Amino acid sequence: MRSARRRAREFALQGLYQWQLTGHDVAAIEAQLHEVTGFDKADRELFAALLRGAIHDAPLLREMLAPHLDRRIEELSPVERAILLLATFELAHHPETPYRVVLNEAIELAKGYGGTEGHRYVNGVLDKVAVQIRPLETARVAAPGR
């Protein structure tokens, strides 16, 4: 059974995907997603924060991701690009969520919605982004005995 927070991330991913393909504004996307079956079981506050934040900060998030990609961000699939934007936003703006949880959730989204090996790519990129955004937290996890 999926948690309310996982559902929030799934709906935020759907919203980011829709935004990339249609260019609709965030209010229209939110209104449409609120009507989807199962939305009532999502953490609405997290959903809104992730969707609005990732769309608002998309140019900055793309800049943060660029050094860790093996191609231009526009060349990624829309699903993988949306997952990377979403997870990078969460890493940067939701320090209360452990980085390993953010990475795991992104990998699960990539397995469920992305291409066959997309989750491996997402994992590799986000490992590097996490070190950049949360250097102290990632260092503590890498060297727990110190």
N, C-alpha and C. Protein backbone atom coordinates (compact mmCIF):
# COMPACT_ATOMS: atom_id res chain seq x y z
N MET A 1 0.84 -1.19 0.00
CA MET A 1 0.00 0.00 0.00
C MET A 1 0.89 1.25 0.00
N ARG A 2 0.57 2.17 -0.88
CA ARG A 2 1.37 3.38 -1.00
C ARG A 2 0.99 4.40 0.07
N SER A 3 2.02 5.07 0.60
CA SER A 3 1.79 6.09 1.61
C SER A 3 1.24 7.36 0.96
N ALA A 4 0.69 8.23 1.77
CA ALA A 4 0.16 9.51 1.29
C ALA A 4 1.29 10.34 0.66
N ARG A 5 2.49 10.23 1.22
CA ARG A 5 3.62 10.99 0.67
C ARG A 5 4.05 10.43 -0.68
N ARG A 6 4.06 9.11 -0.84
CA ARG A 6 4.40 8.53 -2.14
C ARG A 6 3.37 8.94 -3.18
N ARG A 7 2.09 8.90 -2.80
CA ARG A 7 1.04 9.33 -3.73
C ARG A 7 1.23 10.80 -4.12
N ALA A 8 1.62 11.63 -3.15
CA ALA A 8 1.85 13.05 -3.44
C ALA A 8 2.95 13.19 -4.49
N ARG A 9 4.02 12.41 -4.34
CA ARG A 9 5.12 12.47 -5.31
C ARG A 9 4.67 11.97 -6.68
N GLU A 10 3.84 10.93 -6.71
CA GLU A 10 3.33 10.41 -7.98
C GLU A 10 2.48 11.47 -8.69
N PHE A 11 1.60 12.13 -7.94
CA PHE A 11 0.77 13.16 -8.56
C PHE A 11 1.60 14.37 -8.98
N ALA A 12 2.61 14.73 -8.18
CA ALA A 12 3.50 15.83 -8.56
C ALA A 12 4.25 15.48 -9.84
N LEU A 13 4.68 14.23 -9.96
CA LEU A 13 5.34 13.77 -11.19
C LEU A 13 4.39 13.91 -12.38
N GLN A 14 3.16 13.48 -12.21
CA GLN A 14 2.18 13.60 -13.30
C GLN A 14 1.99 15.06 -13.69
N GLY A 15 1.93 15.93 -12.68
CA GLY A 15 1.77 17.35 -12.95
C GLY A 15 2.95 17.95 -13.68
N LEU A 16 4.16 17.57 -13.26
CA LEU A 16 5.37 18.06 -13.94
C LEU A 16 5.45 17.55 -15.37
N TYR A 17 5.07 16.32 -15.57
CA TYR A 17 5.04 15.74 -16.92
C TYR A 17 4.08 16.54 -17.79
N GLN A 18 2.88 16.78 -17.27
CA GLN A 18 1.87 17.53 -18.01
C GLN A 18 2.36 18.95 -18.31
N TRP A 19 2.99 19.59 -17.34
CA TRP A 19 3.51 20.94 -17.51
C TRP A 19 4.55 20.99 -18.63
N GLN A 20 5.44 19.99 -18.66
CA GLN A 20 6.47 19.95 -19.70
C GLN A 20 5.87 19.81 -21.09
N LEU A 21 4.82 18.99 -21.20
CA LEU A 21 4.26 18.70 -22.51
C LEU A 21 3.26 19.76 -22.98
N THR A 22 2.53 20.37 -22.03
CA THR A 22 1.46 21.30 -22.43
C THR A 22 1.78 22.75 -22.15
N GLY A 23 2.63 23.01 -21.15
CA GLY A 23 2.91 24.38 -20.76
C GLY A 23 1.78 25.03 -19.98
N HIS A 24 0.79 24.23 -19.57
CA HIS A 24 -0.32 24.79 -18.78
C HIS A 24 0.21 25.35 -17.47
N ASP A 25 -0.52 26.31 -16.91
CA ASP A 25 -0.07 26.87 -15.64
C ASP A 25 -0.38 25.91 -14.50
N VAL A 26 0.31 26.13 -13.40
CA VAL A 26 0.25 25.20 -12.27
C VAL A 26 -1.17 25.09 -11.70
N ALA A 27 -1.92 26.17 -11.69
CA ALA A 27 -3.28 26.13 -11.13
C ALA A 27 -4.17 25.20 -11.95
N ALA A 28 -4.06 25.26 -13.26
CA ALA A 28 -4.87 24.39 -14.12
C ALA A 28 -4.48 22.93 -13.94
N ILE A 29 -3.19 22.69 -13.83
CA ILE A 29 -2.71 21.31 -13.63
C ILE A 29 -3.19 20.78 -12.28
N GLU A 30 -3.06 21.59 -11.23
CA GLU A 30 -3.53 21.17 -9.91
C GLU A 30 -5.01 20.85 -9.93
N ALA A 31 -5.80 21.72 -10.54
CA ALA A 31 -7.26 21.52 -10.59
C ALA A 31 -7.59 20.20 -11.28
N GLN A 32 -6.90 19.91 -12.37
CA GLN A 32 -7.15 18.67 -13.10
C GLN A 32 -6.75 17.45 -12.25
N LEU A 33 -5.61 17.51 -11.58
CA LEU A 33 -5.15 16.38 -10.79
C LEU A 33 -6.01 16.15 -9.55
N HIS A 34 -6.60 17.20 -9.01
CA HIS A 34 -7.47 17.06 -7.85
C HIS A 34 -8.68 16.18 -8.17
N GLU A 35 -9.02 16.07 -9.45
CA GLU A 35 -10.18 15.28 -9.88
C GLU A 35 -9.84 13.81 -10.14
N VAL A 36 -8.57 13.48 -10.15
CA VAL A 36 -8.14 12.11 -10.47
C VAL A 36 -8.44 11.18 -9.29
N THR A 37 -8.92 9.99 -9.61
CA THR A 37 -9.19 8.99 -8.59
C THR A 37 -7.93 8.71 -7.77
N GLY A 38 -8.08 8.71 -6.46
CA GLY A 38 -6.97 8.43 -5.56
C GLY A 38 -6.28 9.68 -5.04
N PHE A 39 -6.58 10.85 -5.63
CA PHE A 39 -5.91 12.06 -5.16
C PHE A 39 -6.24 12.35 -3.71
N ASP A 40 -7.43 11.98 -3.28
CA ASP A 40 -7.86 12.23 -1.90
C ASP A 40 -6.99 11.48 -0.89
N LYS A 41 -6.23 10.48 -1.34
CA LYS A 41 -5.36 9.71 -0.45
C LYS A 41 -3.93 10.25 -0.43
N ALA A 42 -3.67 11.30 -1.22
CA ALA A 42 -2.33 11.89 -1.29
C ALA A 42 -2.17 12.96 -0.22
N ASP A 43 -0.93 13.19 0.18
CA ASP A 43 -0.58 14.29 1.07
C ASP A 43 -0.65 15.56 0.23
N ARG A 44 -1.76 16.28 0.35
CA ARG A 44 -2.02 17.45 -0.51
C ARG A 44 -0.99 18.55 -0.31
N GLU A 45 -0.56 18.73 0.93
CA GLU A 45 0.41 19.79 1.22
C GLU A 45 1.75 19.50 0.53
N LEU A 46 2.21 18.26 0.64
CA LEU A 46 3.47 17.88 -0.02
C LEU A 46 3.31 17.97 -1.53
N PHE A 47 2.21 17.48 -2.05
CA PHE A 47 1.95 17.54 -3.50
C PHE A 47 2.08 18.97 -4.00
N ALA A 48 1.37 19.89 -3.37
CA ALA A 48 1.37 21.29 -3.81
C ALA A 48 2.76 21.90 -3.70
N ALA A 49 3.45 21.62 -2.60
CA ALA A 49 4.79 22.17 -2.40
C ALA A 49 5.75 21.67 -3.48
N LEU A 50 5.70 20.38 -3.78
CA LEU A 50 6.61 19.81 -4.78
C LEU A 50 6.29 20.30 -6.19
N LEU A 51 5.02 20.26 -6.55
CA LEU A 51 4.64 20.66 -7.91
C LEU A 51 4.92 22.14 -8.14
N ARG A 52 4.42 22.98 -7.25
CA ARG A 52 4.62 24.43 -7.41
C ARG A 52 6.10 24.80 -7.35
N GLY A 53 6.81 24.21 -6.40
CA GLY A 53 8.22 24.53 -6.23
C GLY A 53 9.07 24.09 -7.41
N ALA A 54 8.83 22.87 -7.90
CA ALA A 54 9.64 22.36 -9.02
C ALA A 54 9.37 23.16 -10.29
N ILE A 55 8.13 23.57 -10.51
CA ILE A 55 7.82 24.38 -11.69
C ILE A 55 8.44 25.77 -11.53
N HIS A 56 8.25 26.36 -10.38
CA HIS A 56 8.78 27.71 -10.14
C HIS A 56 10.31 27.74 -10.26
N ASP A 57 10.96 26.74 -9.70
CA ASP A 57 12.43 26.69 -9.66
C ASP A 57 13.06 25.93 -10.82
N ALA A 58 12.27 25.54 -11.82
CA ALA A 58 12.78 24.68 -12.90
C ALA A 58 14.07 25.20 -13.54
N PRO A 59 14.19 26.50 -13.86
CA PRO A 59 15.45 26.94 -14.46
C PRO A 59 16.67 26.71 -13.55
N LEU A 60 16.53 27.01 -12.28
CA LEU A 60 17.62 26.79 -11.33
C LEU A 60 17.90 25.29 -11.15
N LEU A 61 16.86 24.49 -11.07
CA LEU A 61 17.03 23.04 -10.91
C LEU A 61 17.75 22.45 -12.12
N ARG A 62 17.42 22.93 -13.31
CA ARG A 62 18.11 22.46 -14.52
C ARG A 62 19.60 22.79 -14.45
N GLU A 63 19.92 23.99 -13.97
CA GLU A 63 21.33 24.38 -13.82
C GLU A 63 22.04 23.47 -12.81
N MET A 64 21.35 23.12 -11.73
CA MET A 64 21.94 22.25 -10.71
C MET A 64 22.19 20.85 -11.26
N LEU A 65 21.31 20.39 -12.13
CA LEU A 65 21.41 19.05 -12.69
C LEU A 65 22.45 18.95 -13.81
N ALA A 66 22.60 20.01 -14.58
CA ALA A 66 23.41 19.98 -15.81
C ALA A 66 24.80 19.36 -15.65
N PRO A 67 25.57 19.72 -14.60
CA PRO A 67 26.93 19.15 -14.51
C PRO A 67 26.95 17.64 -14.28
N HIS A 68 25.82 17.07 -13.90
CA HIS A 68 25.77 15.65 -13.55
C HIS A 68 25.13 14.79 -14.64
N LEU A 69 24.76 15.41 -15.74
CA LEU A 69 24.11 14.70 -16.84
C LEU A 69 25.12 14.37 -17.93
N ASP A 70 24.85 13.30 -18.66
CA ASP A 70 25.73 12.92 -19.77
C ASP A 70 25.23 13.46 -21.11
N ARG A 71 24.17 14.27 -21.06
CA ARG A 71 23.61 14.92 -22.25
C ARG A 71 22.80 16.13 -21.80
N ARG A 72 22.32 16.89 -22.73
CA ARG A 72 21.51 18.06 -22.37
C ARG A 72 20.21 17.58 -21.73
N ILE A 73 19.71 18.33 -20.77
CA ILE A 73 18.51 17.93 -20.04
C ILE A 73 17.31 17.78 -20.97
N GLU A 74 17.28 18.56 -22.05
CA GLU A 74 16.18 18.47 -23.01
C GLU A 74 16.17 17.13 -23.75
N GLU A 75 17.30 16.44 -23.74
CA GLU A 75 17.40 15.15 -24.43
C GLU A 75 16.93 13.98 -23.57
N LEU A 76 16.68 14.22 -22.29
CA LEU A 76 16.15 13.17 -21.42
C LEU A 76 14.69 12.95 -21.73
N SER A 77 14.18 11.78 -21.38
CA SER A 77 12.74 11.56 -21.55
C SER A 77 12.00 12.52 -20.61
N PRO A 78 10.80 12.93 -20.98
CA PRO A 78 10.05 13.83 -20.10
C PRO A 78 9.81 13.25 -18.70
N VAL A 79 9.68 11.94 -18.61
CA VAL A 79 9.45 11.31 -17.30
C VAL A 79 10.71 11.42 -16.45
N GLU A 80 11.85 11.04 -16.99
CA GLU A 80 13.10 11.11 -16.22
C GLU A 80 13.44 12.54 -15.88
N ARG A 81 13.22 13.45 -16.80
CA ARG A 81 13.48 14.87 -16.53
C ARG A 81 12.59 15.36 -15.39
N ALA A 82 11.32 14.98 -15.40
CA ALA A 82 10.39 15.39 -14.34
C ALA A 82 10.81 14.80 -12.99
N ILE A 83 11.22 13.55 -12.97
CA ILE A 83 11.66 12.90 -11.73
C ILE A 83 12.90 13.62 -11.18
N LEU A 84 13.84 13.94 -12.04
CA LEU A 84 15.06 14.62 -11.60
C LEU A 84 14.75 16.02 -11.07
N LEU A 85 13.86 16.74 -11.73
CA LEU A 85 13.47 18.07 -11.24
C LEU A 85 12.80 17.96 -9.88
N LEU A 86 11.89 17.02 -9.76
CA LEU A 86 11.14 16.82 -8.53
C LEU A 86 12.07 16.46 -7.37
N ALA A 87 12.94 15.50 -7.58
CA ALA A 87 13.84 15.04 -6.51
C ALA A 87 14.87 16.11 -6.16
N THR A 88 15.37 16.82 -7.15
CA THR A 88 16.34 17.88 -6.87
C THR A 88 15.68 18.98 -6.06
N PHE A 89 14.45 19.33 -6.40
CA PHE A 89 13.72 20.32 -5.61
C PHE A 89 13.55 19.84 -4.17
N GLU A 90 13.15 18.58 -4.01
CA GLU A 90 12.93 18.05 -2.66
C GLU A 90 14.24 18.02 -1.87
N LEU A 91 15.33 17.63 -2.50
CA LEU A 91 16.63 17.64 -1.81
C LEU A 91 16.99 19.05 -1.35
N ALA A 92 16.73 20.03 -2.19
CA ALA A 92 17.13 21.41 -1.89
C ALA A 92 16.21 22.09 -0.88
N HIS A 93 14.92 21.75 -0.88
CA HIS A 93 13.95 22.53 -0.10
C HIS A 93 13.23 21.76 1.00
N HIS A 94 13.50 20.49 1.13
CA HIS A 94 12.84 19.69 2.17
C HIS A 94 13.88 18.90 2.96
N PRO A 95 14.72 19.61 3.73
CA PRO A 95 15.79 18.93 4.47
C PRO A 95 15.25 17.98 5.54
N GLU A 96 13.98 18.11 5.89
CA GLU A 96 13.40 17.20 6.88
C GLU A 96 13.25 15.78 6.33
N THR A 97 13.28 15.64 5.02
CA THR A 97 13.21 14.32 4.40
C THR A 97 14.63 13.85 4.14
N PRO A 98 15.05 12.74 4.75
CA PRO A 98 16.43 12.25 4.54
C PRO A 98 16.72 12.06 3.05
N TYR A 99 17.94 12.38 2.66
CA TYR A 99 18.26 12.31 1.23
C TYR A 99 18.07 10.90 0.68
N ARG A 100 18.34 9.89 1.48
CA ARG A 100 18.16 8.51 1.00
C ARG A 100 16.69 8.21 0.69
N VAL A 101 15.78 8.82 1.45
CA VAL A 101 14.35 8.65 1.18
C VAL A 101 14.01 9.33 -0.15
N VAL A 102 14.52 10.53 -0.36
CA VAL A 102 14.26 11.25 -1.62
C VAL A 102 14.76 10.42 -2.79
N LEU A 103 15.98 9.89 -2.69
CA LEU A 103 16.54 9.09 -3.77
C LEU A 103 15.74 7.81 -4.00
N ASN A 104 15.38 7.12 -2.91
CA ASN A 104 14.60 5.90 -3.05
C ASN A 104 13.25 6.18 -3.72
N GLU A 105 12.59 7.24 -3.30
CA GLU A 105 11.29 7.58 -3.90
C GLU A 105 11.45 7.88 -5.39
N ALA A 106 12.50 8.62 -5.75
CA ALA A 106 12.74 8.95 -7.16
C ALA A 106 13.00 7.68 -7.97
N ILE A 107 13.78 6.77 -7.42
CA ILE A 107 14.08 5.50 -8.10
C ILE A 107 12.80 4.69 -8.30
N GLU A 108 11.95 4.65 -7.27
CA GLU A 108 10.68 3.93 -7.39
C GLU A 108 9.77 4.55 -8.45
N LEU A 109 9.75 5.89 -8.51
CA LEU A 109 8.98 6.56 -9.56
C LEU A 109 9.52 6.20 -10.94
N ALA A 110 10.85 6.19 -11.07
CA ALA A 110 11.46 5.86 -12.35
C ALA A 110 11.16 4.41 -12.75
N LYS A 111 11.15 3.50 -11.78
CA LYS A 111 10.82 2.10 -12.08
C LYS A 111 9.37 1.98 -12.53
N GLY A 112 8.49 2.76 -11.90
CA GLY A 112 7.07 2.66 -12.22
C GLY A 112 6.64 3.39 -13.47
N TYR A 113 7.31 4.51 -13.77
CA TYR A 113 6.84 5.36 -14.86
C TYR A 113 7.86 5.57 -15.97
N GLY A 114 9.12 5.30 -15.71
CA GLY A 114 10.18 5.59 -16.68
C GLY A 114 10.50 4.42 -17.58
N GLY A 115 11.56 4.61 -18.36
CA GLY A 115 12.03 3.57 -19.27
C GLY A 115 12.68 2.42 -18.51
N THR A 116 13.02 1.38 -19.23
CA THR A 116 13.55 0.15 -18.64
C THR A 116 14.72 0.37 -17.70
N GLU A 117 15.72 1.12 -18.11
CA GLU A 117 16.90 1.36 -17.29
C GLU A 117 16.92 2.77 -16.71
N GLY A 118 15.82 3.48 -16.83
CA GLY A 118 15.75 4.86 -16.36
C GLY A 118 16.06 5.02 -14.89
N HIS A 119 15.67 4.04 -14.08
CA HIS A 119 15.92 4.15 -12.64
C HIS A 119 17.41 4.16 -12.32
N ARG A 120 18.21 3.45 -13.11
CA ARG A 120 19.65 3.45 -12.89
C ARG A 120 20.25 4.83 -13.19
N TYR A 121 19.78 5.42 -14.26
CA TYR A 121 20.27 6.75 -14.64
C TYR A 121 19.87 7.77 -13.57
N VAL A 122 18.60 7.74 -13.15
CA VAL A 122 18.10 8.65 -12.12
C VAL A 122 18.93 8.48 -10.84
N ASN A 123 19.19 7.25 -10.45
CA ASN A 123 19.99 6.98 -9.25
C ASN A 123 21.39 7.59 -9.37
N GLY A 124 22.05 7.35 -10.49
CA GLY A 124 23.40 7.85 -10.68
C GLY A 124 23.47 9.37 -10.62
N VAL A 125 22.52 10.03 -11.28
CA VAL A 125 22.51 11.50 -11.29
C VAL A 125 22.20 12.03 -9.89
N LEU A 126 21.20 11.47 -9.25
CA LEU A 126 20.79 11.99 -7.94
C LEU A 126 21.82 11.71 -6.85
N ASP A 127 22.58 10.64 -6.97
CA ASP A 127 23.70 10.41 -6.02
C ASP A 127 24.64 11.61 -6.04
N LYS A 128 24.96 12.10 -7.23
CA LYS A 128 25.87 13.24 -7.37
C LYS A 128 25.22 14.54 -6.90
N VAL A 129 23.96 14.72 -7.25
CA VAL A 129 23.22 15.93 -6.86
C VAL A 129 23.10 16.00 -5.33
N ALA A 130 22.85 14.86 -4.69
CA ALA A 130 22.71 14.84 -3.23
C ALA A 130 24.00 15.28 -2.55
N VAL A 131 25.14 14.84 -3.06
CA VAL A 131 26.43 15.25 -2.49
C VAL A 131 26.60 16.76 -2.64
N GLN A 132 26.17 17.30 -3.75
CA GLN A 132 26.27 18.75 -4.00
C GLN A 132 25.34 19.53 -3.08
N ILE A 133 24.11 19.09 -2.93
CA ILE A 133 23.10 19.84 -2.18
C ILE A 133 23.19 19.59 -0.67
N ARG A 134 23.48 18.35 -0.30
CA ARG A 134 23.53 17.98 1.12
C ARG A 134 24.86 17.33 1.48
N PRO A 135 25.94 18.05 1.36
CA PRO A 135 27.27 17.45 1.58
C PRO A 135 27.46 16.87 2.98
N LEU A 136 26.95 17.53 4.00
CA LEU A 136 27.15 17.02 5.37
C LEU A 136 26.36 15.74 5.60
N GLU A 137 25.13 15.72 5.15
CA GLU A 137 24.29 14.53 5.34
C GLU A 137 24.84 13.34 4.56
N THR A 138 25.25 13.55 3.33
CA THR A 138 25.78 12.43 2.53
C THR A 138 27.11 11.94 3.08
N ALA A 139 27.92 12.84 3.61
CA ALA A 139 29.21 12.44 4.21
C ALA A 139 28.99 11.61 5.46
N ARG A 140 27.99 11.98 6.28
CA ARG A 140 27.70 11.21 7.50
C ARG A 140 27.25 9.80 7.16
N VAL A 141 26.45 9.67 6.12
CA VAL A 141 25.96 8.35 5.73
C VAL A 141 27.08 7.52 5.13
N ALA A 142 27.97 8.18 4.35
CA ALA A 142 29.08 7.45 3.72
C ALA A 142 30.09 6.94 4.73
N ALA A 143 30.24 7.67 5.84
CA ALA A 143 31.21 7.30 6.87
C ALA A 143 30.55 7.28 8.25
N PRO A 144 29.65 6.31 8.47
CA PRO A 144 28.87 6.33 9.73
C PRO A 144 29.71 6.12 10.99
N GLY A 145 30.90 5.52 10.88
CA GLY A 145 31.69 5.23 12.05
C GLY A 145 32.52 6.41 12.56
N ARG A 146 32.50 7.51 11.82
CA ARG A 146 33.35 8.65 12.21
C ARG A 146 32.62 9.64 13.08
